[in-house]
Amino acid sequence: MLKEVSRGKDSAIDRLMPLVYDELRALAESYLAHERPDHTLQATALVHDAYVRLVKQEEVEWQNRAHFFAVAAQAIRRILVDHARGHQRIKRGGSRQRVRLEEDVALVSERDLDLVALDEALNRLAALNERQARIVELRFFGGLTLKEVAEIVGVSARTVDGDWSMARAWLRRALEEPVS
């Protein structure tokens, strides 16, 4: 079905949405549950925006479910960060959006995390180690398991686990450093 979506078949796109909607919505709700109470982005809108970005990608040759959700993780990350930056511009530097990372993917224990700061730190990490940054994106924004990430990245689950640990440690330090 994903290959049919890649070829632009509308019937495949229509059949795909019910299959992925629940997972995308659960992902969106988990991120938005830790947002400020007056947050203007709703889970339904986040899922819709991510889905539209996904099916509009004509150049993507979908390999499998894991590949789809890996690209979904990138789309969700971009939407959330763009929304956070837009909110900051509106507020002229007002308080940044804060999200709380779940325990299983916690980068900074028991404290709120600035989504824009995480995005900036991930970009710095990508300059040093692109694979580690990709693993964080897939685990945090995509909600993928170590095995699924290993399949996408093309390394063993053991390598992903080691990179995941190293990336979390690096990000923890990067996010705790004062911004100059």
C-alpha atoms as a PDB file:
ATOM      1  CA  MET A   1       0.000   0.000   0.000  1.00  0.00           C
ATOM      2  CA  LEU A   2       2.872   2.390   0.818  1.00  0.00           C
ATOM      3  CA  LYS A   3       4.347   1.797  -2.640  1.00  0.00           C
ATOM      4  CA  GLU A   4       0.976   2.702  -4.169  1.00  0.00           C
ATOM      5  CA  VAL A   5       0.953   5.876  -2.055  1.00  0.00           C
ATOM      6  CA  SER A   6       4.445   6.651  -3.425  1.00  0.00           C
ATOM      7  CA  ARG A   7       2.997   6.442  -6.930  1.00  0.00           C
ATOM      8  CA  GLY A   8       0.237   8.889  -5.978  1.00  0.00           C
ATOM      9  CA  LYS A   9      -2.727   6.511  -6.063  1.00  0.00           C
ATOM     10  CA  ASP A  10      -5.562   8.292  -4.266  1.00  0.00           C
ATOM     11  CA  SER A  11      -7.276   5.031  -3.312  1.00  0.00           C
ATOM     12  CA  ALA A  12      -4.125   3.886  -1.478  1.00  0.00           C
ATOM     13  CA  ILE A  13      -3.889   7.223   0.332  1.00  0.00           C
ATOM     14  CA  ASP A  14      -7.516   6.857   1.434  1.00  0.00           C
ATOM     15  CA  ARG A  15      -6.892   3.289   2.688  1.00  0.00           C
ATOM     16  CA  LEU A  16      -3.678   4.260   4.493  1.00  0.00           C
ATOM     17  CA  MET A  17      -5.130   6.923   6.783  1.00  0.00           C
ATOM     18  CA  PRO A  18      -7.292   4.589   8.899  1.00  0.00           C
ATOM     19  CA  LEU A  19      -4.331   2.245   9.328  1.00  0.00           C
ATOM     20  CA  VAL A  20      -1.910   4.857  10.673  1.00  0.00           C
ATOM     21  CA  TYR A  21      -4.244   7.418  12.221  1.00  0.00           C
ATOM     22  CA  ASP A  22      -4.467   5.840  15.685  1.00  0.00           C
ATOM     23  CA  GLU A  23      -0.689   5.527  16.033  1.00  0.00           C
ATOM     24  CA  LEU A  24      -0.064   9.065  14.783  1.00  0.00           C
ATOM     25  CA  ARG A  25      -2.787  10.426  17.079  1.00  0.00           C
ATOM     26  CA  ALA A  26      -1.371   8.581  20.115  1.00  0.00           C
ATOM     27  CA  LEU A  27       2.050  10.026  19.323  1.00  0.00           C
ATOM     28  CA  ALA A  28       0.610  13.533  18.972  1.00  0.00           C
ATOM     29  CA  GLU A  29      -1.399  13.259  22.185  1.00  0.00           C
ATOM     30  CA  SER A  30       1.629  12.088  24.151  1.00  0.00           C
ATOM     31  CA  TYR A  31       3.606  15.160  23.068  1.00  0.00           C
ATOM     32  CA  LEU A  32       0.777  17.609  23.571  1.00  0.00           C
ATOM     33  CA  ALA A  33      -0.244  16.214  26.977  1.00  0.00           C
ATOM     34  CA  HIS A  34       2.799  17.905  28.495  1.00  0.00           C
ATOM     35  CA  GLU A  35       2.288  21.269  26.842  1.00  0.00           C
ATOM     36  CA  ARG A  36       1.087  24.402  28.535  1.00  0.00           C
ATOM     37  CA  PRO A  37      -2.697  24.499  29.110  1.00  0.00           C
ATOM     38  CA  ASP A  38      -3.282  27.301  26.593  1.00  0.00           C
ATOM     39  CA  HIS A  39      -1.424  25.514  23.795  1.00  0.00           C
ATOM     40  CA  THR A  40      -3.155  26.206  20.480  1.00  0.00           C
ATOM     41  CA  LEU A  41      -2.037  23.129  18.541  1.00  0.00           C
ATOM     42  CA  GLN A  42      -4.427  20.198  18.932  1.00  0.00           C
ATOM     43  CA  ALA A  43      -3.572  16.514  18.417  1.00  0.00           C
ATOM     44  CA  THR A  44      -5.977  16.249  15.481  1.00  0.00           C
ATOM     45  CA  ALA A  45      -4.331  19.205  13.736  1.00  0.00           C
ATOM     46  CA  LEU A  46      -0.850  17.809  14.395  1.00  0.00           C
ATOM     47  CA  VAL A  47      -1.844  14.416  12.931  1.00  0.00           C
ATOM     48  CA  HIS A  48      -3.509  16.061   9.938  1.00  0.00           C
ATOM     49  CA  ASP A  49      -0.507  18.298   9.206  1.00  0.00           C
ATOM     50  CA  ALA A  50       1.931  15.402   9.571  1.00  0.00           C
ATOM     51  CA  TYR A  51      -0.193  13.121   7.375  1.00  0.00           C
ATOM     52  CA  VAL A  52      -0.539  15.773   4.658  1.00  0.00           C
ATOM     53  CA  ARG A  53       3.238  16.275   4.646  1.00  0.00           C
ATOM     54  CA  LEU A  54       3.770  12.531   4.441  1.00  0.00           C
ATOM     55  CA  VAL A  55       1.468  11.779   1.529  1.00  0.00           C
ATOM     56  CA  LYS A  56       2.598  14.850  -0.421  1.00  0.00           C
ATOM     57  CA  GLN A  57       6.160  13.545  -0.524  1.00  0.00           C
ATOM     58  CA  GLU A  58       6.318  12.327  -4.100  1.00  0.00           C
ATOM     59  CA  GLU A  59      10.050  11.603  -4.007  1.00  0.00           C
ATOM     60  CA  VAL A  60       9.843   9.110  -1.147  1.00  0.00           C
ATOM     61  CA  GLU A  61       9.879   5.422  -2.018  1.00  0.00           C
ATOM     62  CA  TRP A  62       8.226   3.983   1.085  1.00  0.00           C
ATOM     63  CA  GLN A  63      10.064   0.839   2.161  1.00  0.00           C
ATOM     64  CA  ASN A  64       7.926  -0.376   5.054  1.00  0.00           C
ATOM     65  CA  ARG A  65       5.963   0.673   8.134  1.00  0.00           C
ATOM     66  CA  ALA A  66       9.107   1.594  10.078  1.00  0.00           C
ATOM     67  CA  HIS A  67      10.273   3.841   7.236  1.00  0.00           C
ATOM     68  CA  PHE A  68       6.874   5.552   7.155  1.00  0.00           C
ATOM     69  CA  PHE A  69       6.964   6.265  10.882  1.00  0.00           C
ATOM     70  CA  ALA A  70      10.578   7.431  10.670  1.00  0.00           C
ATOM     71  CA  VAL A  71       9.550  10.062   8.143  1.00  0.00           C
ATOM     72  CA  ALA A  72       6.480  10.799  10.290  1.00  0.00           C
ATOM     73  CA  ALA A  73       8.837  11.487  13.209  1.00  0.00           C
ATOM     74  CA  GLN A  74      10.652  14.074  11.121  1.00  0.00           C
ATOM     75  CA  ALA A  75       7.375  15.692  10.076  1.00  0.00           C
ATOM     76  CA  ILE A  76       6.070  15.827  13.649  1.00  0.00           C
ATOM     77  CA  ARG A  77       9.372  17.289  14.871  1.00  0.00           C
ATOM     78  CA  ARG A  78       9.274  20.012  12.202  1.00  0.00           C
ATOM     79  CA  ILE A  79       5.628  20.879  12.931  1.00  0.00           C
ATOM     80  CA  LEU A  80       6.162  21.096  16.705  1.00  0.00           C
ATOM     81  CA  VAL A  81       9.364  23.116  16.411  1.00  0.00           C
ATOM     82  CA  ASP A  82       7.876  25.446  13.776  1.00  0.00           C
ATOM     83  CA  HIS A  83       4.859  25.961  16.020  1.00  0.00           C
ATOM     84  CA  ALA A  84       7.116  26.667  19.027  1.00  0.00           C
ATOM     85  CA  ARG A  85       9.174  29.161  17.044  1.00  0.00           C
ATOM     86  CA  GLY A  86       6.032  30.843  15.741  1.00  0.00           C
ATOM     87  CA  HIS A  87       4.714  31.155  19.267  1.00  0.00           C
ATOM     88  CA  GLN A  88       7.999  32.706  20.389  1.00  0.00           C
ATOM     89  CA  ARG A  89       7.878  35.229  17.543  1.00  0.00           C
ATOM     90  CA  ILE A  90       4.323  36.157  18.446  1.00  0.00           C
ATOM     91  CA  LYS A  91       5.310  36.618  22.055  1.00  0.00           C
ATOM     92  CA  ARG A  92       8.553  38.390  21.018  1.00  0.00           C
ATOM     93  CA  GLY A  93      10.738  36.076  22.939  1.00  0.00           C
ATOM     94  CA  GLY A  94       8.107  35.043  25.464  1.00  0.00           C
ATOM     95  CA  SER A  95       8.182  31.744  27.261  1.00  0.00           C
ATOM     96  CA  ARG A  96       9.189  28.831  25.086  1.00  0.00           C
ATOM     97  CA  GLN A  97       7.024  25.749  24.638  1.00  0.00           C
ATOM     98  CA  ARG A  98       7.879  23.093  27.127  1.00  0.00           C
ATOM     99  CA  VAL A  99       7.352  19.384  26.766  1.00  0.00           C
ATOM    100  CA  ARG A 100       8.046  16.622  29.222  1.00  0.00           C
ATOM    101  CA  LEU A 101       9.865  13.587  27.898  1.00  0.00           C
ATOM    102  CA  GLU A 102       8.444  10.239  28.931  1.00  0.00           C
ATOM    103  CA  GLU A 103      10.548   8.148  31.312  1.00  0.00           C
ATOM    104  CA  ASP A 104      11.513   5.596  28.685  1.00  0.00           C
ATOM    105  CA  VAL A 105      13.047   8.283  26.495  1.00  0.00           C
ATOM    106  CA  ALA A 106      13.983  10.838  29.155  1.00  0.00           C
ATOM    107  CA  LEU A 107      16.905  13.028  28.201  1.00  0.00           C
ATOM    108  CA  VAL A 108      16.675  15.222  31.236  1.00  0.00           C
ATOM    109  CA  SER A 109      15.219  13.529  34.261  1.00  0.00           C
ATOM    110  CA  GLU A 110      12.183  14.938  36.017  1.00  0.00           C
ATOM    111  CA  ARG A 111      12.175  18.352  34.414  1.00  0.00           C
ATOM    112  CA  ASP A 112      10.558  20.148  31.540  1.00  0.00           C
ATOM    113  CA  LEU A 113      12.397  20.366  28.263  1.00  0.00           C
ATOM    114  CA  ASP A 114      12.367  23.274  25.880  1.00  0.00           C
ATOM    115  CA  LEU A 115      11.403  21.859  22.473  1.00  0.00           C
ATOM    116  CA  VAL A 116      13.240  24.569  20.538  1.00  0.00           C
ATOM    117  CA  ALA A 117      16.351  23.995  22.658  1.00  0.00           C
ATOM    118  CA  LEU A 118      16.072  20.249  21.976  1.00  0.00           C
ATOM    119  CA  ASP A 119      15.823  20.907  18.236  1.00  0.00           C
ATOM    120  CA  GLU A 120      18.874  23.180  18.337  1.00  0.00           C
ATOM    121  CA  ALA A 121      20.808  20.626  20.394  1.00  0.00           C
ATOM    122  CA  LEU A 122      19.814  17.846  17.971  1.00  0.00           C
ATOM    123  CA  ASN A 123      21.096  19.937  15.082  1.00  0.00           C
ATOM    124  CA  ARG A 124      24.428  20.401  16.904  1.00  0.00           C
ATOM    125  CA  LEU A 125      24.572  16.675  17.653  1.00  0.00           C
ATOM    126  CA  ALA A 126      23.862  15.889  13.995  1.00  0.00           C
ATOM    127  CA  ALA A 127      26.913  17.932  13.030  1.00  0.00           C
ATOM    128  CA  LEU A 128      29.000  15.723  15.340  1.00  0.00           C
ATOM    129  CA  ASN A 129      27.243  12.386  14.891  1.00  0.00           C
ATOM    130  CA  GLU A 130      24.406  12.231  12.411  1.00  0.00           C
ATOM    131  CA  ARG A 131      23.425   8.657  13.312  1.00  0.00           C
ATOM    132  CA  GLN A 132      23.006   9.464  17.005  1.00  0.00           C
ATOM    133  CA  ALA A 133      20.848  12.490  16.194  1.00  0.00           C
ATOM    134  CA  ARG A 134      18.729  10.368  13.853  1.00  0.00           C
ATOM    135  CA  ILE A 135      18.289   7.734  16.565  1.00  0.00           C
ATOM    136  CA  VAL A 136      17.051  10.370  19.038  1.00  0.00           C
ATOM    137  CA  GLU A 137      14.641  11.733  16.446  1.00  0.00           C
ATOM    138  CA  LEU A 138      13.276   8.268  15.679  1.00  0.00           C
ATOM    139  CA  ARG A 139      12.944   7.274  19.339  1.00  0.00           C
ATOM    140  CA  PHE A 140      11.606  10.568  20.712  1.00  0.00           C
ATOM    141  CA  PHE A 141       9.597  12.033  17.854  1.00  0.00           C
ATOM    142  CA  GLY A 142       8.765   8.748  16.127  1.00  0.00           C
ATOM    143  CA  GLY A 143       8.184   6.600  19.189  1.00  0.00           C
ATOM    144  CA  LEU A 144       9.996   3.701  17.518  1.00  0.00           C
ATOM    145  CA  THR A 145      11.557   0.767  19.342  1.00  0.00           C
ATOM    146  CA  LEU A 146      15.282   0.002  19.303  1.00  0.00           C
ATOM    147  CA  LYS A 147      14.632  -2.815  16.832  1.00  0.00           C
ATOM    148  CA  GLU A 148      12.635  -0.572  14.482  1.00  0.00           C
ATOM    149  CA  VAL A 149      15.307   2.126  14.651  1.00  0.00           C
ATOM    150  CA  ALA A 150      18.003  -0.459  13.924  1.00  0.00           C
ATOM    151  CA  GLU A 151      16.119  -1.544  10.813  1.00  0.00           C
ATOM    152  CA  ILE A 152      15.827   2.029   9.547  1.00  0.00           C
ATOM    153  CA  VAL A 153      19.375   3.083  10.363  1.00  0.00           C
ATOM    154  CA  GLY A 154      20.866  -0.172   9.107  1.00  0.00           C
ATOM    155  CA  VAL A 155      22.810  -1.209  12.208  1.00  0.00           C
ATOM    156  CA  SER A 156      22.243  -3.726  14.991  1.00  0.00           C
ATOM    157  CA  ALA A 157      19.867  -3.052  17.879  1.00  0.00           C
ATOM    158  CA  ARG A 158      22.900  -3.260  20.185  1.00  0.00           C
ATOM    159  CA  THR A 159      24.594  -0.435  18.243  1.00  0.00           C
ATOM    160  CA  VAL A 160      21.395   1.623  18.400  1.00  0.00           C
ATOM    161  CA  ASP A 161      21.206   1.042  22.159  1.00  0.00           C
ATOM    162  CA  GLY A 162      24.791   2.261  22.621  1.00  0.00           C
ATOM    163  CA  ASP A 163      24.274   5.285  20.373  1.00  0.00           C
ATOM    164  CA  TRP A 164      20.980   6.050  22.152  1.00  0.00           C
ATOM    165  CA  SER A 165      22.767   6.088  25.525  1.00  0.00           C
ATOM    166  CA  MET A 166      25.591   8.262  24.221  1.00  0.00           C
ATOM    167  CA  ALA A 167      23.198  10.683  22.519  1.00  0.00           C
ATOM    168  CA  ARG A 168      21.077  11.046  25.664  1.00  0.00           C
ATOM    169  CA  ALA A 169      24.180  11.810  27.728  1.00  0.00           C
ATOM    170  CA  TRP A 170      25.408  14.350  25.165  1.00  0.00           C
ATOM    171  CA  LEU A 171      21.987  16.017  24.957  1.00  0.00           C
ATOM    172  CA  ARG A 172      21.615  16.086  28.726  1.00  0.00           C
ATOM    173  CA  ARG A 173      24.878  18.054  28.961  1.00  0.00           C
ATOM    174  CA  ALA A 174      23.994  20.279  26.016  1.00  0.00           C
ATOM    175  CA  LEU A 175      20.577  21.128  27.442  1.00  0.00           C
ATOM    176  CA  GLU A 176      21.916  21.841  30.918  1.00  0.00           C
ATOM    177  CA  GLU A 177      24.611  24.240  29.675  1.00  0.00           C
ATOM    178  CA  PRO A 178      23.656  27.880  29.993  1.00  0.00           C
ATOM    179  CA  VAL A 179      22.924  29.539  26.677  1.00  0.00           C
ATOM    180  CA  SER A 180      25.382  32.331  25.970  1.00  0.00           C
END
